[in-house]
Amino acid sequence: MLVGGVVQVELEFSADFMFSIGSLYRAPPLVVDTLLTTEVAKGHMQQGEGIRLDSHGNCKLVGVAPIVRVNDVFLNTFLTLPTECLAIMQTKLIFLD
């Protein structure tokens, strides 16, 4: 049995985000790798605070990830790369017997 609000959760998060404008423009993927946590996540520009797992399986995971320049001048300028992103994931975990 879970005791509400006391279980720390961490999740490795890795994703490629694709940006395109129809068939006219397709940027290289933006890679996001971070550790999502129910604790505090801090970067140089971003920060977030998660919420620990409760007795119903609910928690909030946060993570800060650096976003590096890509081989595309337009996307680098449009997103002011390099920069940081804050990932926030409201989560419900279900544990099966």
PDB file of N, CA and C in Angstrom:
ATOM      1  N   MET A   1       0.846  -1.191   0.000  1.00  0.00           N
ATOM      2  CA  MET A   1       0.000   0.000   0.000  1.00  0.00           C
ATOM      3  C   MET A   1       0.882   1.241   0.000  1.00  0.00           C
ATOM      4  N   LEU A   2       0.500   2.209  -0.821  1.00  0.00           N
ATOM      5  CA  LEU A   2       1.248   3.458  -0.894  1.00  0.00           C
ATOM      6  C   LEU A   2       0.777   4.429   0.173  1.00  0.00           C
ATOM      7  N   VAL A   3       1.706   5.105   0.778  1.00  0.00           N
ATOM      8  CA  VAL A   3       1.376   6.167   1.718  1.00  0.00           C
ATOM      9  C   VAL A   3       1.380   7.456   0.920  1.00  0.00           C
ATOM     10  N   GLY A   4       0.273   8.195   0.919  1.00  0.00           N
ATOM     11  CA  GLY A   4       0.098   9.369   0.074  1.00  0.00           C
ATOM     12  C   GLY A   4       1.231  10.376   0.149  1.00  0.00           C
ATOM     13  N   GLY A   5       1.743  10.750  -1.024  1.00  0.00           N
ATOM     14  CA  GLY A   5       2.705  11.833  -1.131  1.00  0.00           C
ATOM     15  C   GLY A   5       4.110  11.531  -0.658  1.00  0.00           C
ATOM     16  N   VAL A   6       4.474  10.259  -0.475  1.00  0.00           N
ATOM     17  CA  VAL A   6       5.810   9.991   0.037  1.00  0.00           C
ATOM     18  C   VAL A   6       6.697   9.204  -0.924  1.00  0.00           C
ATOM     19  N   VAL A   7       6.152   8.743  -2.033  1.00  0.00           N
ATOM     20  CA  VAL A   7       6.926   7.916  -2.953  1.00  0.00           C
ATOM     21  C   VAL A   7       7.512   8.779  -4.065  1.00  0.00           C
ATOM     22  N   GLN A   8       8.831   8.799  -4.107  1.00  0.00           N
ATOM     23  CA  GLN A   8       9.537   9.541  -5.158  1.00  0.00           C
ATOM     24  C   GLN A   8       9.576   8.687  -6.420  1.00  0.00           C
ATOM     25  N   VAL A   9       9.370   9.316  -7.579  1.00  0.00           N
ATOM     26  CA  VAL A   9       9.389   8.617  -8.862  1.00  0.00           C
ATOM     27  C   VAL A   9      10.369   9.328  -9.781  1.00  0.00           C
ATOM     28  N   GLU A  10      11.143   8.548 -10.552  1.00  0.00           N
ATOM     29  CA  GLU A  10      12.015   9.105 -11.581  1.00  0.00           C
ATOM     30  C   GLU A  10      11.830   8.294 -12.855  1.00  0.00           C
ATOM     31  N   LEU A  11      11.888   8.973 -13.987  1.00  0.00           N
ATOM     32  CA  LEU A  11      11.671   8.344 -15.284  1.00  0.00           C
ATOM     33  C   LEU A  11      12.620   8.962 -16.296  1.00  0.00           C
ATOM     34  N   GLU A  12      13.385   8.130 -16.982  1.00  0.00           N
ATOM     35  CA  GLU A  12      14.244   8.638 -18.051  1.00  0.00           C
ATOM     36  C   GLU A  12      13.370   8.932 -19.261  1.00  0.00           C
ATOM     37  N   PHE A  13      13.494  10.138 -19.794  1.00  0.00           N
ATOM     38  CA  PHE A  13      12.667  10.591 -20.909  1.00  0.00           C
ATOM     39  C   PHE A  13      13.566  10.944 -22.076  1.00  0.00           C
ATOM     40  N   SER A  14      13.269  10.387 -23.235  1.00  0.00           N
ATOM     41  CA  SER A  14      14.019  10.680 -24.450  1.00  0.00           C
ATOM     42  C   SER A  14      13.037  10.763 -25.611  1.00  0.00           C
ATOM     43  N   ALA A  15      13.091  11.867 -26.358  1.00  0.00           N
ATOM     44  CA  ALA A  15      12.166  12.038 -27.477  1.00  0.00           C
ATOM     45  C   ALA A  15      12.810  12.877 -28.566  1.00  0.00           C
ATOM     46  N   ASP A  16      12.402  12.618 -29.790  1.00  0.00           N
ATOM     47  CA  ASP A  16      12.756  13.451 -30.939  1.00  0.00           C
ATOM     48  C   ASP A  16      11.493  14.189 -31.356  1.00  0.00           C
ATOM     49  N   PHE A  17      11.556  15.509 -31.392  1.00  0.00           N
ATOM     50  CA  PHE A  17      10.416  16.316 -31.809  1.00  0.00           C
ATOM     51  C   PHE A  17      10.651  16.793 -33.237  1.00  0.00           C
ATOM     52  N   MET A  18       9.658  16.576 -34.079  1.00  0.00           N
ATOM     53  CA  MET A  18       9.770  16.913 -35.493  1.00  0.00           C
ATOM     54  C   MET A  18       8.942  18.159 -35.797  1.00  0.00           C
ATOM     55  N   PHE A  19       9.520  19.077 -36.562  1.00  0.00           N
ATOM     56  CA  PHE A  19       8.834  20.308 -36.963  1.00  0.00           C
ATOM     57  C   PHE A  19       8.801  20.349 -38.483  1.00  0.00           C
ATOM     58  N   SER A  20       7.615  20.587 -39.039  1.00  0.00           N
ATOM     59  CA  SER A  20       7.505  20.713 -40.492  1.00  0.00           C
ATOM     60  C   SER A  20       6.383  21.682 -40.829  1.00  0.00           C
ATOM     61  N   ILE A  21       6.461  22.207 -42.035  1.00  0.00           N
ATOM     62  CA  ILE A  21       5.395  23.031 -42.592  1.00  0.00           C
ATOM     63  C   ILE A  21       4.936  22.304 -43.849  1.00  0.00           C
ATOM     64  N   GLY A  22       3.968  21.422 -43.656  1.00  0.00           N
ATOM     65  CA  GLY A  22       3.487  20.594 -44.763  1.00  0.00           C
ATOM     66  C   GLY A  22       4.645  19.902 -45.458  1.00  0.00           C
ATOM     67  N   SER A  23       4.630  19.946 -46.778  1.00  0.00           N
ATOM     68  CA  SER A  23       5.734  19.368 -47.540  1.00  0.00           C
ATOM     69  C   SER A  23       6.777  20.413 -47.913  1.00  0.00           C
ATOM     70  N   LEU A  24       6.574  21.677 -47.488  1.00  0.00           N
ATOM     71  CA  LEU A  24       7.484  22.767 -47.846  1.00  0.00           C
ATOM     72  C   LEU A  24       8.775  22.770 -47.039  1.00  0.00           C
ATOM     73  N   TYR A  25       8.677  22.383 -45.778  1.00  0.00           N
ATOM     74  CA  TYR A  25       9.837  22.503 -44.895  1.00  0.00           C
ATOM     75  C   TYR A  25       9.807  21.421 -43.838  1.00  0.00           C
ATOM     76  N   ARG A  26      10.916  20.748 -43.670  1.00  0.00           N
ATOM     77  CA  ARG A  26      11.050  19.738 -42.610  1.00  0.00           C
ATOM     78  C   ARG A  26      12.386  19.968 -41.921  1.00  0.00           C
ATOM     79  N   ALA A  27      12.330  20.317 -40.639  1.00  0.00           N
ATOM     80  CA  ALA A  27      13.542  20.591 -39.860  1.00  0.00           C
ATOM     81  C   ALA A  27      14.114  19.291 -39.322  1.00  0.00           C
ATOM     82  N   PRO A  28      15.404  19.298 -38.989  1.00  0.00           N
ATOM     83  CA  PRO A  28      15.955  18.127 -38.319  1.00  0.00           C
ATOM     84  C   PRO A  28      15.318  17.982 -36.930  1.00  0.00           C
ATOM     85  N   PRO A  29      15.299  16.783 -36.385  1.00  0.00           N
ATOM     86  CA  PRO A  29      14.630  16.582 -35.096  1.00  0.00           C
ATOM     87  C   PRO A  29      15.322  17.325 -33.956  1.00  0.00           C
ATOM     88  N   LEU A  30      14.504  17.797 -33.033  1.00  0.00           N
ATOM     89  CA  LEU A  30      15.007  18.351 -31.774  1.00  0.00           C
ATOM     90  C   LEU A  30      15.027  17.208 -30.773  1.00  0.00           C
ATOM     91  N   VAL A  31      16.179  16.950 -30.202  1.00  0.00           N
ATOM     92  CA  VAL A  31      16.343  15.839 -29.278  1.00  0.00           C
ATOM     93  C   VAL A  31      16.190  16.355 -27.849  1.00  0.00           C
ATOM     94  N   VAL A  32      15.307  15.696 -27.094  1.00  0.00           N
ATOM     95  CA  VAL A  32      15.092  16.040 -25.688  1.00  0.00           C
ATOM     96  C   VAL A  32      15.395  14.801 -24.859  1.00  0.00           C
ATOM     97  N   ASP A  33      16.409  14.902 -24.023  1.00  0.00           N
ATOM     98  CA  ASP A  33      16.780  13.846 -23.078  1.00  0.00           C
ATOM     99  C   ASP A  33      16.834  14.459 -21.692  1.00  0.00           C
ATOM    100  N   THR A  34      16.070  13.907 -20.761  1.00  0.00           N
ATOM    101  CA  THR A  34      16.085  14.419 -19.402  1.00  0.00           C
ATOM    102  C   THR A  34      15.611  13.346 -18.431  1.00  0.00           C
ATOM    103  N   LEU A  35      15.875  13.571 -17.182  1.00  0.00           N
ATOM    104  CA  LEU A  35      15.361  12.730 -16.112  1.00  0.00           C
ATOM    105  C   LEU A  35      14.144  13.448 -15.538  1.00  0.00           C
ATOM    106  N   LEU A  36      12.969  12.847 -15.708  1.00  0.00           N
ATOM    107  CA  LEU A  36      11.763  13.395 -15.101  1.00  0.00           C
ATOM    108  C   LEU A  36      11.707  12.913 -13.662  1.00  0.00           C
ATOM    109  N   THR A  37      11.333  13.807 -12.763  1.00  0.00           N
ATOM    110  CA  THR A  37      11.330  13.485 -11.343  1.00  0.00           C
ATOM    111  C   THR A  37      10.131  14.116 -10.645  1.00  0.00           C
ATOM    112  N   THR A  38       9.763  13.541  -9.527  1.00  0.00           N
ATOM    113  CA  THR A  38       8.719  14.130  -8.693  1.00  0.00           C
ATOM    114  C   THR A  38       9.305  15.146  -7.719  1.00  0.00           C
ATOM    115  N   GLU A  39      10.601  15.368  -7.828  1.00  0.00           N
ATOM    116  CA  GLU A  39      11.279  16.323  -6.949  1.00  0.00           C
ATOM    117  C   GLU A  39      11.450  17.655  -7.698  1.00  0.00           C
ATOM    118  N   VAL A  40      12.501  18.392  -7.427  1.00  0.00           N
ATOM    119  CA  VAL A  40      12.782  19.669  -8.087  1.00  0.00           C
ATOM    120  C   VAL A  40      13.763  19.436  -9.227  1.00  0.00           C
ATOM    121  N   ALA A  41      13.483  20.031 -10.384  1.00  0.00           N
ATOM    122  CA  ALA A  41      14.390  19.989 -11.529  1.00  0.00           C
ATOM    123  C   ALA A  41      14.801  21.423 -11.840  1.00  0.00           C
ATOM    124  N   LYS A  42      16.110  21.679 -11.909  1.00  0.00           N
ATOM    125  CA  LYS A  42      16.610  23.030 -12.158  1.00  0.00           C
ATOM    126  C   LYS A  42      17.623  23.017 -13.289  1.00  0.00           C
ATOM    127  N   GLY A  43      17.538  24.024 -14.129  1.00  0.00           N
ATOM    128  CA  GLY A  43      18.527  24.268 -15.159  1.00  0.00           C
ATOM    129  C   GLY A  43      19.064  25.675 -14.983  1.00  0.00           C
ATOM    130  N   HIS A  44      19.688  26.202 -16.026  1.00  0.00           N
ATOM    131  CA  HIS A  44      20.191  27.572 -15.960  1.00  0.00           C
ATOM    132  C   HIS A  44      19.074  28.590 -16.141  1.00  0.00           C
ATOM    133  N   MET A  45      18.043  28.223 -16.937  1.00  0.00           N
ATOM    134  CA  MET A  45      16.959  29.160 -17.240  1.00  0.00           C
ATOM    135  C   MET A  45      15.588  28.675 -16.773  1.00  0.00           C
ATOM    136  N   GLN A  46      15.424  27.379 -16.632  1.00  0.00           N
ATOM    137  CA  GLN A  46      14.118  26.793 -16.315  1.00  0.00           C
ATOM    138  C   GLN A  46      14.200  26.023 -15.004  1.00  0.00           C
ATOM    139  N   GLN A  47      13.063  25.904 -14.348  1.00  0.00           N
ATOM    140  CA  GLN A  47      12.966  25.039 -13.175  1.00  0.00           C
ATOM    141  C   GLN A  47      11.521  24.630 -12.974  1.00  0.00           C
ATOM    142  N   GLY A  48      11.337  23.490 -12.335  1.00  0.00           N
ATOM    143  CA  GLY A  48      10.002  23.004 -12.047  1.00  0.00           C
ATOM    144  C   GLY A  48      10.027  22.139 -10.810  1.00  0.00           C
ATOM    145  N   GLU A  49       8.868  21.981 -10.207  1.00  0.00           N
ATOM    146  CA  GLU A  49       8.749  21.163  -9.011  1.00  0.00           C
ATOM    147  C   GLU A  49       7.669  20.123  -9.226  1.00  0.00           C
ATOM    148  N   GLY A  50       8.036  18.863  -9.054  1.00  0.00           N
ATOM    149  CA  GLY A  50       7.083  17.782  -9.215  1.00  0.00           C
ATOM    150  C   GLY A  50       6.271  17.556  -7.955  1.00  0.00           C
ATOM    151  N   ILE A  51       5.378  16.585  -8.043  1.00  0.00           N
ATOM    152  CA  ILE A  51       4.551  16.180  -6.901  1.00  0.00           C
ATOM    153  C   ILE A  51       4.689  14.670  -6.760  1.00  0.00           C
ATOM    154  N   ARG A  52       5.029  14.225  -5.566  1.00  0.00           N
ATOM    155  CA  ARG A  52       5.255  12.804  -5.320  1.00  0.00           C
ATOM    156  C   ARG A  52       3.995  11.968  -5.525  1.00  0.00           C
ATOM    157  N   LEU A  53       4.210  10.682  -5.759  1.00  0.00           N
ATOM    158  CA  LEU A  53       3.145   9.719  -5.996  1.00  0.00           C
ATOM    159  C   LEU A  53       2.222   9.635  -4.795  1.00  0.00           C
ATOM    160  N   ASP A  54       0.913   9.728  -5.057  1.00  0.00           N
ATOM    161  CA  ASP A  54      -0.046   9.606  -3.955  1.00  0.00           C
ATOM    162  C   ASP A  54      -0.648   8.202  -3.928  1.00  0.00           C
ATOM    163  N   SER A  55      -1.556   7.965  -3.013  1.00  0.00           N
ATOM    164  CA  SER A  55      -2.129   6.626  -2.827  1.00  0.00           C
ATOM    165  C   SER A  55      -3.028   6.200  -3.982  1.00  0.00           C
ATOM    166  N   HIS A  56      -3.384   7.132  -4.883  1.00  0.00           N
ATOM    167  CA  HIS A  56      -4.211   6.816  -6.052  1.00  0.00           C
ATOM    168  C   HIS A  56      -3.374   6.637  -7.316  1.00  0.00           C
ATOM    169  N   GLY A  57      -2.045   6.751  -7.202  1.00  0.00           N
ATOM    170  CA  GLY A  57      -1.169   6.588  -8.360  1.00  0.00           C
ATOM    171  C   GLY A  57      -0.899   7.863  -9.135  1.00  0.00           C
ATOM    172  N   ASN A  58      -1.357   9.000  -8.622  1.00  0.00           N
ATOM    173  CA  ASN A  58      -1.162  10.277  -9.302  1.00  0.00           C
ATOM    174  C   ASN A  58       0.156  10.923  -8.885  1.00  0.00           C
ATOM    175  N   CYS A  59       0.837  11.527  -9.845  1.00  0.00           N
ATOM    176  CA  CYS A  59       2.029  12.305  -9.541  1.00  0.00           C
ATOM    177  C   CYS A  59       2.299  13.273 -10.689  1.00  0.00           C
ATOM    178  N   LYS A  60       3.177  14.210 -10.443  1.00  0.00           N
ATOM    179  CA  LYS A  60       3.597  15.167 -11.461  1.00  0.00           C
ATOM    180  C   LYS A  60       5.112  15.048 -11.601  1.00  0.00           C
ATOM    181  N   LEU A  61       5.547  14.732 -12.822  1.00  0.00           N
ATOM    182  CA  LEU A  61       6.972  14.600 -13.113  1.00  0.00           C
ATOM    183  C   LEU A  61       7.445  15.828 -13.879  1.00  0.00           C
ATOM    184  N   VAL A  62       8.631  16.319 -13.523  1.00  0.00           N
ATOM    185  CA  VAL A  62       9.204  17.480 -14.209  1.00  0.00           C
ATOM    186  C   VAL A  62      10.671  17.184 -14.547  1.00  0.00           C
ATOM    187  N   GLY A  63      11.152  17.857 -15.579  1.00  0.00           N
ATOM    188  CA  GLY A  63      12.552  17.737 -15.963  1.00  0.00           C
ATOM    189  C   GLY A  63      12.972  18.917 -16.810  1.00  0.00           C
ATOM    190  N   VAL A  64      14.225  19.269 -16.723  1.00  0.00           N
ATOM    191  CA  VAL A  64      14.784  20.352 -17.549  1.00  0.00           C
ATOM    192  C   VAL A  64      15.804  19.723 -18.486  1.00  0.00           C
ATOM    193  N   ALA A  65      15.691  20.055 -19.768  1.00  0.00           N
ATOM    194  CA  ALA A  65      16.590  19.470 -20.766  1.00  0.00           C
ATOM    195  C   ALA A  65      17.223  20.562 -21.608  1.00  0.00           C
ATOM    196  N   PRO A  66      18.515  20.439 -21.886  1.00  0.00           N
ATOM    197  CA  PRO A  66      19.142  21.360 -22.827  1.00  0.00           C
ATOM    198  C   PRO A  66      18.710  21.001 -24.248  1.00  0.00           C
ATOM    199  N   ILE A  67      18.461  22.005 -25.053  1.00  0.00           N
ATOM    200  CA  ILE A  67      18.149  21.814 -26.472  1.00  0.00           C
ATOM    201  C   ILE A  67      19.293  22.449 -27.253  1.00  0.00           C
ATOM    202  N   VAL A  68      20.057  21.621 -27.933  1.00  0.00           N
ATOM    203  CA  VAL A  68      21.249  22.103 -28.629  1.00  0.00           C
ATOM    204  C   VAL A  68      20.894  22.577 -30.034  1.00  0.00           C
ATOM    205  N   ARG A  69      21.809  23.332 -30.612  1.00  0.00           N
ATOM    206  CA  ARG A  69      21.637  23.776 -31.993  1.00  0.00           C
ATOM    207  C   ARG A  69      21.541  22.575 -32.918  1.00  0.00           C
ATOM    208  N   VAL A  70      20.776  22.771 -33.989  1.00  0.00           N
ATOM    209  CA  VAL A  70      20.665  21.754 -35.028  1.00  0.00           C
ATOM    210  C   VAL A  70      21.291  22.307 -36.300  1.00  0.00           C
ATOM    211  N   ASN A  71      21.384  21.491 -37.305  1.00  0.00           N
ATOM    212  CA  ASN A  71      21.986  21.907 -38.570  1.00  0.00           C
ATOM    213  C   ASN A  71      20.939  22.591 -39.448  1.00  0.00           C
ATOM    214  N   ASP A  72      20.333  23.669 -38.917  1.00  0.00           N
ATOM    215  CA  ASP A  72      19.288  24.402 -39.633  1.00  0.00           C
ATOM    216  C   ASP A  72      19.229  25.824 -39.090  1.00  0.00           C
ATOM    217  N   VAL A  73      19.649  26.783 -39.882  1.00  0.00           N
ATOM    218  CA  VAL A  73      19.716  28.174 -39.435  1.00  0.00           C
ATOM    219  C   VAL A  73      18.338  28.711 -39.066  1.00  0.00           C
ATOM    220  N   PHE A  74      17.322  28.388 -39.854  1.00  0.00           N
ATOM    221  CA  PHE A  74      15.976  28.886 -39.567  1.00  0.00           C
ATOM    222  C   PHE A  74      15.496  28.417 -38.194  1.00  0.00           C
ATOM    223  N   LEU A  75      15.592  27.114 -37.930  1.00  0.00           N
ATOM    224  CA  LEU A  75      15.100  26.580 -36.655  1.00  0.00           C
ATOM    225  C   LEU A  75      15.915  27.099 -35.477  1.00  0.00           C
ATOM    226  N   ASN A  76      17.227  27.182 -35.638  1.00  0.00           N
ATOM    227  CA  ASN A  76      18.077  27.742 -34.572  1.00  0.00           C
ATOM    228  C   ASN A  76      17.644  29.157 -34.222  1.00  0.00           C
ATOM    229  N   THR A  77      17.354  29.969 -35.249  1.00  0.00           N
ATOM    230  CA  THR A  77      16.946  31.365 -35.028  1.00  0.00           C
ATOM    231  C   THR A  77      15.542  31.435 -34.448  1.00  0.00           C
ATOM    232  N   PHE A  78      14.610  30.678 -35.029  1.00  0.00           N
ATOM    233  CA  PHE A  78      13.211  30.695 -34.605  1.00  0.00           C
ATOM    234  C   PHE A  78      13.061  30.287 -33.135  1.00  0.00           C
ATOM    235  N   LEU A  79      13.824  29.282 -32.699  1.00  0.00           N
ATOM    236  CA  LEU A  79      13.727  28.787 -31.321  1.00  0.00           C
ATOM    237  C   LEU A  79      14.818  29.329 -30.404  1.00  0.00           C
ATOM    238  N   THR A  80      15.639  30.232 -30.927  1.00  0.00           N
ATOM    239  CA  THR A  80      16.782  30.797 -30.193  1.00  0.00           C
ATOM    240  C   THR A  80      17.633  29.699 -29.551  1.00  0.00           C
ATOM    241  N   LEU A  81      18.005  28.731 -30.374  1.00  0.00           N
ATOM    242  CA  LEU A  81      18.845  27.623 -29.894  1.00  0.00           C
ATOM    243  C   LEU A  81      20.294  28.054 -29.800  1.00  0.00           C
ATOM    244  N   PRO A  82      21.037  27.587 -28.835  1.00  0.00           N
ATOM    245  CA  PRO A  82      20.652  26.602 -27.826  1.00  0.00           C
ATOM    246  C   PRO A  82      19.822  27.240 -26.715  1.00  0.00           C
ATOM    247  N   THR A  83      19.018  26.415 -26.060  1.00  0.00           N
ATOM    248  CA  THR A  83      18.168  26.872 -24.965  1.00  0.00           C
ATOM    249  C   THR A  83      17.856  25.684 -24.056  1.00  0.00           C
ATOM    250  N   GLU A  84      16.895  25.850 -23.180  1.00  0.00           N
ATOM    251  CA  GLU A  84      16.437  24.774 -22.303  1.00  0.00           C
ATOM    252  C   GLU A  84      14.934  24.641 -22.446  1.00  0.00           C
ATOM    253  N   CYS A  85      14.449  23.448 -22.179  1.00  0.00           N
ATOM    254  CA  CYS A  85      13.000  23.264 -22.130  1.00  0.00           C
ATOM    255  C   CYS A  85      12.627  22.643 -20.789  1.00  0.00           C
ATOM    256  N   LEU A  86      11.425  22.941 -20.366  1.00  0.00           N
ATOM    257  CA  LEU A  86      10.867  22.368 -19.145  1.00  0.00           C
ATOM    258  C   LEU A  86       9.803  21.365 -19.558  1.00  0.00           C
ATOM    259  N   ALA A  87       9.986  20.117 -19.174  1.00  0.00           N
ATOM    260  CA  ALA A  87       9.011  19.067 -19.456  1.00  0.00           C
ATOM    261  C   ALA A  87       8.178  18.836 -18.204  1.00  0.00           C
ATOM    262  N   ILE A  88       6.866  18.801 -18.382  1.00  0.00           N
ATOM    263  CA  ILE A  88       5.940  18.555 -17.274  1.00  0.00           C
ATOM    264  C   ILE A  88       5.005  17.434 -17.694  1.00  0.00           C
ATOM    265  N   MET A  89       4.912  16.398 -16.862  1.00  0.00           N
ATOM    266  CA  MET A  89       4.062  15.262 -17.189  1.00  0.00           C
ATOM    267  C   MET A  89       3.177  14.927 -16.001  1.00  0.00           C
ATOM    268  N   GLN A  90       1.874  15.223 -16.126  1.00  0.00           N
ATOM    269  CA  GLN A  90       0.897  14.782 -15.128  1.00  0.00           C
ATOM    270  C   GLN A  90       0.692  13.291 -15.386  1.00  0.00           C
ATOM    271  N   THR A  91       0.832  12.470 -14.365  1.00  0.00           N
ATOM    272  CA  THR A  91       0.868  11.028 -14.572  1.00  0.00           C
ATOM    273  C   THR A  91      -0.040  10.305 -13.609  1.00  0.00           C
ATOM    274  N   LYS A  92      -0.642   9.228 -14.100  1.00  0.00           N
ATOM    275  CA  LYS A  92      -1.371   8.294 -13.230  1.00  0.00           C
ATOM    276  C   LYS A  92      -0.761   6.930 -13.486  1.00  0.00           C
ATOM    277  N   LEU A  93      -0.148   6.375 -12.457  1.00  0.00           N
ATOM    278  CA  LEU A  93       0.465   5.064 -12.541  1.00  0.00           C
ATOM    279  C   LEU A  93      -0.510   4.017 -12.013  1.00  0.00           C
ATOM    280  N   ILE A  94      -0.631   2.922 -12.744  1.00  0.00           N
ATOM    281  CA  ILE A  94      -1.511   1.833 -12.328  1.00  0.00           C
ATOM    282  C   ILE A  94      -0.653   0.608 -12.083  1.00  0.00           C
ATOM    283  N   PHE A  95      -0.735   0.064 -10.896  1.00  0.00           N
ATOM    284  CA  PHE A  95       0.048  -1.103 -10.514  1.00  0.00           C
ATOM    285  C   PHE A  95      -0.846  -2.332 -10.555  1.00  0.00           C
ATOM    286  N   LEU A  96      -0.432  -3.315 -11.350  1.00  0.00           N
ATOM    287  CA  LEU A  96      -1.212  -4.541 -11.483  1.00  0.00           C
ATOM    288  C   LEU A  96      -0.628  -5.625 -10.593  1.00  0.00           C
ATOM    289  N   ASP A  97      -1.492  -6.447 -10.040  1.00  0.00           N
ATOM    290  CA  ASP A  97      -1.032  -7.566  -9.201  1.00  0.00           C
ATOM    291  C   ASP A  97      -0.459  -8.671 -10.040  1.00  0.00           C
TER     292      ASP A  97
END
